[in-house]
């Protein structure tokens, strides 16, 4: 992530296209800091922690929940509307997590006729 951020900074400097960044107010810088800390560093740390303490299936299921959490957070913080397509998406994600996380039943062996 650091290399990506540095590359984008170099590209912006090369294009002399920093007008928007220079105009940032404290609220925008707080958003950048929030994304860097919680959306980047903390998320990667928690992902590695989960991989060390849970099964890969359980840890990977958390990735599918991120859009749901972001949508609900946006609804609470900025009043993003909760519509039918969001409910349908939440149901699909939860169904996928349920299917991936359930323990498969062993197949019963039937004697074959010879």
N, C-alpha and C. Protein backbone atom coordinates (compact mmCIF):
# COMPACT_ATOMS: atom_id res chain seq x y z
N UNK A 1 0.83 -1.19 0.00
CA UNK A 1 0.00 0.00 0.00
C UNK A 1 0.87 1.24 0.00
N UNK A 2 1.96 1.18 0.72
CA UNK A 2 2.88 2.32 0.75
C UNK A 2 3.47 2.61 -0.61
N UNK A 3 3.84 1.53 -1.32
CA UNK A 3 4.41 1.70 -2.66
C UNK A 3 3.36 2.29 -3.60
N UNK A 4 2.12 1.83 -3.48
CA UNK A 4 1.05 2.37 -4.31
C UNK A 4 0.81 3.84 -4.02
N UNK A 5 0.79 4.20 -2.74
CA UNK A 5 0.60 5.61 -2.38
C UNK A 5 1.75 6.47 -2.88
N UNK A 6 2.97 5.97 -2.73
CA UNK A 6 4.14 6.72 -3.21
C UNK A 6 4.10 6.89 -4.73
N UNK A 7 3.70 5.83 -5.44
CA UNK A 7 3.61 5.91 -6.90
C UNK A 7 2.57 6.93 -7.33
N UNK A 8 1.43 6.94 -6.65
CA UNK A 8 0.40 7.93 -6.98
C UNK A 8 0.86 9.35 -6.66
N UNK A 9 1.60 9.52 -5.58
CA UNK A 9 2.13 10.85 -5.23
C UNK A 9 3.11 11.33 -6.30
N UNK A 10 3.99 10.43 -6.76
CA UNK A 10 4.95 10.80 -7.81
C UNK A 10 4.21 11.16 -9.09
N UNK A 11 3.20 10.37 -9.44
CA UNK A 11 2.43 10.65 -10.65
C UNK A 11 1.72 12.00 -10.53
N UNK A 12 1.14 12.29 -9.38
CA UNK A 12 0.47 13.58 -9.18
C UNK A 12 1.46 14.73 -9.26
N UNK A 13 2.64 14.55 -8.67
CA UNK A 13 3.67 15.60 -8.74
C UNK A 13 4.14 15.80 -10.17
N UNK A 14 4.30 14.72 -10.92
CA UNK A 14 4.75 14.83 -12.31
C UNK A 14 3.72 15.57 -13.16
N UNK A 15 2.46 15.39 -12.86
CA UNK A 15 1.41 16.07 -13.61
C UNK A 15 1.10 17.44 -13.03
N UNK A 16 1.72 17.79 -11.91
CA UNK A 16 1.45 19.05 -11.21
C UNK A 16 -0.05 19.19 -10.95
N UNK A 17 -0.63 18.11 -10.47
CA UNK A 17 -2.08 18.04 -10.29
C UNK A 17 -2.43 17.86 -8.81
N UNK A 18 -1.94 18.76 -7.97
CA UNK A 18 -2.16 18.65 -6.54
C UNK A 18 -3.14 19.71 -6.00
N UNK A 19 -3.84 20.38 -6.89
CA UNK A 19 -4.75 21.45 -6.46
C UNK A 19 -5.80 20.94 -5.48
N UNK A 20 -6.36 19.77 -5.76
CA UNK A 20 -7.40 19.23 -4.89
C UNK A 20 -6.84 18.89 -3.51
N UNK A 21 -5.63 18.34 -3.47
CA UNK A 21 -5.02 17.96 -2.19
C UNK A 21 -4.65 19.20 -1.38
N UNK A 22 -4.16 20.21 -2.04
CA UNK A 22 -3.78 21.44 -1.34
C UNK A 22 -5.02 22.09 -0.71
N UNK A 23 -6.18 21.89 -1.32
CA UNK A 23 -7.41 22.50 -0.82
C UNK A 23 -8.09 21.68 0.28
N UNK A 24 -7.49 20.55 0.67
CA UNK A 24 -8.09 19.73 1.72
C UNK A 24 -8.25 20.52 3.01
N UNK A 25 -9.40 20.35 3.63
CA UNK A 25 -9.66 20.93 4.95
C UNK A 25 -9.42 19.83 5.98
N UNK A 26 -9.48 20.16 7.26
CA UNK A 26 -9.24 19.14 8.29
C UNK A 26 -10.14 17.91 8.17
N UNK A 27 -11.38 18.09 7.73
CA UNK A 27 -12.28 16.94 7.60
C UNK A 27 -11.76 15.96 6.54
N UNK A 28 -11.24 16.48 5.43
CA UNK A 28 -10.69 15.60 4.40
C UNK A 28 -9.42 14.89 4.88
N UNK A 29 -8.57 15.60 5.62
CA UNK A 29 -7.35 14.97 6.13
C UNK A 29 -7.71 13.91 7.18
N UNK A 30 -8.75 14.15 7.95
CA UNK A 30 -9.21 13.14 8.91
C UNK A 30 -9.70 11.90 8.18
N UNK A 31 -10.39 12.08 7.06
CA UNK A 31 -10.86 10.94 6.27
C UNK A 31 -9.68 10.16 5.71
N UNK A 32 -8.67 10.86 5.21
CA UNK A 32 -7.47 10.20 4.69
C UNK A 32 -6.78 9.41 5.80
N UNK A 33 -6.65 10.02 6.97
CA UNK A 33 -6.01 9.32 8.10
C UNK A 33 -6.83 8.11 8.53
N UNK A 34 -8.14 8.24 8.56
CA UNK A 34 -9.01 7.12 8.93
C UNK A 34 -8.82 5.96 7.95
N UNK A 35 -8.83 6.26 6.65
CA UNK A 35 -8.66 5.21 5.66
C UNK A 35 -7.28 4.56 5.75
N UNK A 36 -6.26 5.36 6.00
CA UNK A 36 -4.91 4.81 6.11
C UNK A 36 -4.78 3.91 7.33
N UNK A 37 -5.33 4.35 8.44
CA UNK A 37 -5.16 3.59 9.69
C UNK A 37 -6.10 2.40 9.74
N UNK A 38 -7.40 2.64 9.60
CA UNK A 38 -8.37 1.57 9.77
C UNK A 38 -8.64 0.79 8.49
N UNK A 39 -8.70 1.48 7.37
CA UNK A 39 -8.96 0.80 6.11
C UNK A 39 -7.75 0.09 5.55
N UNK A 40 -6.58 0.46 6.02
CA UNK A 40 -5.36 -0.16 5.51
C UNK A 40 -4.63 -0.97 6.55
N UNK A 41 -3.91 -0.29 7.40
CA UNK A 41 -3.01 -0.96 8.35
C UNK A 41 -3.76 -1.89 9.31
N UNK A 42 -4.80 -1.41 9.94
CA UNK A 42 -5.53 -2.25 10.90
C UNK A 42 -6.21 -3.42 10.20
N UNK A 43 -6.76 -3.19 9.02
CA UNK A 43 -7.43 -4.26 8.28
C UNK A 43 -6.45 -5.37 7.92
N UNK A 44 -5.25 -5.02 7.46
CA UNK A 44 -4.26 -6.04 7.14
C UNK A 44 -3.79 -6.78 8.39
N UNK A 45 -3.59 -6.06 9.48
CA UNK A 45 -3.19 -6.71 10.73
C UNK A 45 -4.26 -7.70 11.19
N UNK A 46 -5.51 -7.28 11.17
CA UNK A 46 -6.59 -8.16 11.60
C UNK A 46 -6.75 -9.36 10.67
N UNK A 47 -6.51 -9.17 9.39
CA UNK A 47 -6.57 -10.27 8.43
C UNK A 47 -5.52 -11.33 8.76
N UNK A 48 -4.29 -10.90 9.00
CA UNK A 48 -3.22 -11.84 9.35
C UNK A 48 -3.52 -12.51 10.68
N UNK A 49 -4.02 -11.75 11.64
CA UNK A 49 -4.39 -12.31 12.93
C UNK A 49 -5.46 -13.39 12.76
N UNK A 50 -6.46 -13.11 11.94
CA UNK A 50 -7.52 -14.08 11.70
C UNK A 50 -6.99 -15.33 11.02
N UNK A 51 -6.08 -15.18 10.08
CA UNK A 51 -5.50 -16.35 9.41
C UNK A 51 -4.70 -17.21 10.36
N UNK A 52 -4.10 -16.61 11.37
CA UNK A 52 -3.31 -17.36 12.34
C UNK A 52 -4.18 -18.07 13.37
N UNK A 53 -5.38 -17.58 13.62
CA UNK A 53 -6.20 -18.11 14.70
C UNK A 53 -7.50 -18.76 14.24
N UNK A 54 -7.74 -18.84 12.98
CA UNK A 54 -8.98 -19.44 12.48
C UNK A 54 -8.69 -20.21 11.20
N UNK A 55 -9.66 -20.91 10.72
CA UNK A 55 -9.49 -21.62 9.46
C UNK A 55 -9.48 -20.61 8.31
N UNK A 56 -8.84 -20.95 7.21
CA UNK A 56 -8.85 -20.03 6.07
C UNK A 56 -10.27 -19.70 5.59
N UNK A 57 -11.17 -20.68 5.66
CA UNK A 57 -12.55 -20.42 5.23
C UNK A 57 -13.20 -19.36 6.11
N UNK A 58 -13.01 -19.49 7.41
CA UNK A 58 -13.59 -18.51 8.33
C UNK A 58 -12.97 -17.13 8.13
N UNK A 59 -11.66 -17.09 7.97
CA UNK A 59 -10.99 -15.80 7.79
C UNK A 59 -11.40 -15.15 6.47
N UNK A 60 -11.52 -15.94 5.42
CA UNK A 60 -11.89 -15.35 4.13
C UNK A 60 -13.34 -14.91 4.10
N UNK A 61 -14.17 -15.49 4.94
CA UNK A 61 -15.58 -15.08 5.01
C UNK A 61 -15.70 -13.64 5.47
N UNK A 62 -14.75 -13.17 6.26
CA UNK A 62 -14.82 -11.80 6.75
C UNK A 62 -14.70 -10.79 5.62
N UNK A 63 -14.00 -11.15 4.55
CA UNK A 63 -13.84 -10.23 3.42
C UNK A 63 -15.19 -9.95 2.77
N UNK A 64 -16.05 -10.97 2.73
CA UNK A 64 -17.36 -10.80 2.11
C UNK A 64 -18.26 -9.89 2.94
N UNK A 65 -17.97 -9.74 4.21
CA UNK A 65 -18.82 -8.93 5.09
C UNK A 65 -18.45 -7.44 5.01
N UNK A 66 -17.28 -7.11 4.52
CA UNK A 66 -16.84 -5.70 4.47
C UNK A 66 -17.80 -4.80 3.71
N UNK A 67 -18.28 -5.17 2.52
CA UNK A 67 -19.23 -4.27 1.84
C UNK A 67 -20.53 -4.08 2.62
N UNK A 68 -20.95 -5.11 3.34
CA UNK A 68 -22.17 -4.98 4.14
C UNK A 68 -21.94 -3.96 5.26
N UNK A 69 -20.82 -4.10 5.96
CA UNK A 69 -20.50 -3.16 7.03
C UNK A 69 -20.34 -1.74 6.50
N UNK A 70 -19.70 -1.60 5.35
CA UNK A 70 -19.51 -0.27 4.77
C UNK A 70 -20.85 0.35 4.38
N UNK A 71 -21.74 -0.46 3.84
CA UNK A 71 -23.06 0.05 3.45
C UNK A 71 -23.87 0.49 4.65
N UNK A 72 -23.86 -0.31 5.70
CA UNK A 72 -24.60 0.05 6.90
C UNK A 72 -23.98 1.27 7.59
N UNK A 73 -22.65 1.34 7.59
CA UNK A 73 -21.96 2.49 8.16
C UNK A 73 -22.32 3.77 7.39
N UNK A 74 -22.37 3.66 6.05
CA UNK A 74 -22.73 4.82 5.23
C UNK A 74 -24.17 5.24 5.47
N UNK A 75 -25.03 4.26 5.71
CA UNK A 75 -26.43 4.59 6.00
C UNK A 75 -26.55 5.36 7.30
N UNK A 76 -25.78 4.98 8.30
CA UNK A 76 -25.85 5.63 9.60
C UNK A 76 -25.16 7.00 9.56
N UNK A 77 -23.98 7.06 8.97
CA UNK A 77 -23.17 8.28 9.04
C UNK A 77 -23.63 9.36 8.05
N UNK A 78 -23.87 8.98 6.79
CA UNK A 78 -24.19 10.00 5.79
C UNK A 78 -25.60 9.87 5.23
N UNK A 79 -26.39 8.97 5.79
CA UNK A 79 -27.77 8.86 5.35
C UNK A 79 -27.95 8.17 4.02
N UNK A 80 -27.02 7.31 3.64
CA UNK A 80 -27.14 6.56 2.39
C UNK A 80 -28.42 5.72 2.46
N UNK A 81 -29.23 5.73 1.41
CA UNK A 81 -30.50 4.99 1.49
C UNK A 81 -30.28 3.48 1.47
N UNK A 82 -31.07 2.79 2.27
CA UNK A 82 -31.06 1.33 2.28
C UNK A 82 -32.20 0.87 1.38
N UNK A 83 -31.85 0.28 0.26
CA UNK A 83 -32.86 -0.13 -0.72
C UNK A 83 -32.91 -1.64 -0.87
N UNK A 84 -33.82 -2.09 -1.71
CA UNK A 84 -34.02 -3.51 -1.93
C UNK A 84 -32.75 -4.19 -2.44
N UNK A 85 -32.02 -3.53 -3.35
CA UNK A 85 -30.81 -4.17 -3.89
C UNK A 85 -29.77 -4.42 -2.80
N UNK A 86 -29.70 -3.56 -1.80
CA UNK A 86 -28.78 -3.80 -0.68
C UNK A 86 -29.25 -4.99 0.13
N UNK A 87 -30.53 -5.08 0.41
CA UNK A 87 -31.06 -6.22 1.16
C UNK A 87 -30.82 -7.52 0.40
N UNK A 88 -31.02 -7.50 -0.91
CA UNK A 88 -30.77 -8.68 -1.73
C UNK A 88 -29.30 -9.05 -1.70
N UNK A 89 -28.43 -8.06 -1.80
CA UNK A 89 -26.99 -8.33 -1.73
C UNK A 89 -26.57 -8.88 -0.38
N UNK A 90 -27.11 -8.34 0.70
CA UNK A 90 -26.80 -8.84 2.04
C UNK A 90 -27.24 -10.29 2.17
N UNK A 91 -28.44 -10.60 1.68
CA UNK A 91 -28.93 -11.98 1.74
C UNK A 91 -28.03 -12.91 0.93
N UNK A 92 -27.59 -12.48 -0.23
CA UNK A 92 -26.73 -13.31 -1.07
C UNK A 92 -25.37 -13.54 -0.40
N UNK A 93 -24.80 -12.50 0.18
CA UNK A 93 -23.51 -12.63 0.85
C UNK A 93 -23.63 -13.57 2.05
N UNK A 94 -24.66 -13.38 2.85
CA UNK A 94 -24.84 -14.25 4.02
C UNK A 94 -25.09 -15.70 3.61
N UNK A 95 -25.84 -15.91 2.53
CA UNK A 95 -26.05 -17.27 2.03
C UNK A 95 -24.72 -17.88 1.57
N UNK A 96 -23.91 -17.09 0.89
CA UNK A 96 -22.60 -17.58 0.45
C UNK A 96 -21.69 -17.94 1.61
N UNK A 97 -21.69 -17.10 2.64
CA UNK A 97 -20.88 -17.40 3.82
C UNK A 97 -21.38 -18.67 4.49
N UNK A 98 -22.70 -18.83 4.59
CA UNK A 98 -23.27 -20.03 5.20
C UNK A 98 -22.86 -21.28 4.42
N UNK A 99 -22.95 -21.21 3.10
CA UNK A 99 -22.58 -22.36 2.26
C UNK A 99 -21.10 -22.68 2.41
N UNK A 100 -20.25 -21.66 2.41
CA UNK A 100 -18.81 -21.88 2.51
C UNK A 100 -18.38 -22.37 3.87
N UNK A 101 -19.07 -21.94 4.92
CA UNK A 101 -18.63 -22.25 6.29
C UNK A 101 -19.22 -23.53 6.85
N UNK A 102 -20.27 -24.05 6.22
CA UNK A 102 -20.88 -25.25 6.81
C UNK A 102 -19.98 -26.46 6.59
N UNK A 103 -20.08 -27.39 7.48
CA UNK A 103 -19.28 -28.60 7.40
C UNK A 103 -19.98 -29.57 6.45
N UNK A 104 -19.26 -30.01 5.42
CA UNK A 104 -19.91 -30.92 4.48
C UNK A 104 -20.18 -32.28 5.12
N UNK A 105 -21.30 -32.87 4.74
CA UNK A 105 -21.63 -34.20 5.23
C UNK A 105 -20.88 -35.23 4.40
N UNK A 106 -20.37 -36.27 5.05
CA UNK A 106 -19.69 -37.29 4.26
C UNK A 106 -20.69 -38.03 3.37
N UNK A 107 -20.23 -38.40 2.21
CA UNK A 107 -21.08 -39.15 1.29
C UNK A 107 -21.23 -40.58 1.81
N UNK A 108 -22.44 -41.07 1.75
CA UNK A 108 -22.64 -42.47 2.18
C UNK A 108 -22.26 -43.38 1.04
N UNK A 109 -21.58 -44.45 1.37
CA UNK A 109 -21.15 -45.40 0.35
C UNK A 109 -22.22 -46.47 0.19
N UNK A 110 -22.69 -46.59 -1.01
CA UNK A 110 -23.67 -47.60 -1.34
C UNK A 110 -22.93 -48.78 -1.97
N UNK A 111 -23.28 -49.99 -1.53
CA UNK A 111 -22.63 -51.14 -2.20
C UNK A 111 -23.06 -51.18 -3.67
N UNK A 112 -22.10 -51.44 -4.52
CA UNK A 112 -22.39 -51.50 -5.94
C UNK A 112 -22.72 -52.93 -6.33
N UNK A 113 -23.66 -53.06 -7.22
CA UNK A 113 -24.05 -54.39 -7.71
C UNK A 113 -23.07 -54.81 -8.77
N UNK A 114 -22.57 -56.04 -8.65
CA UNK A 114 -21.61 -56.55 -9.65
C UNK A 114 -22.23 -57.50 -10.58
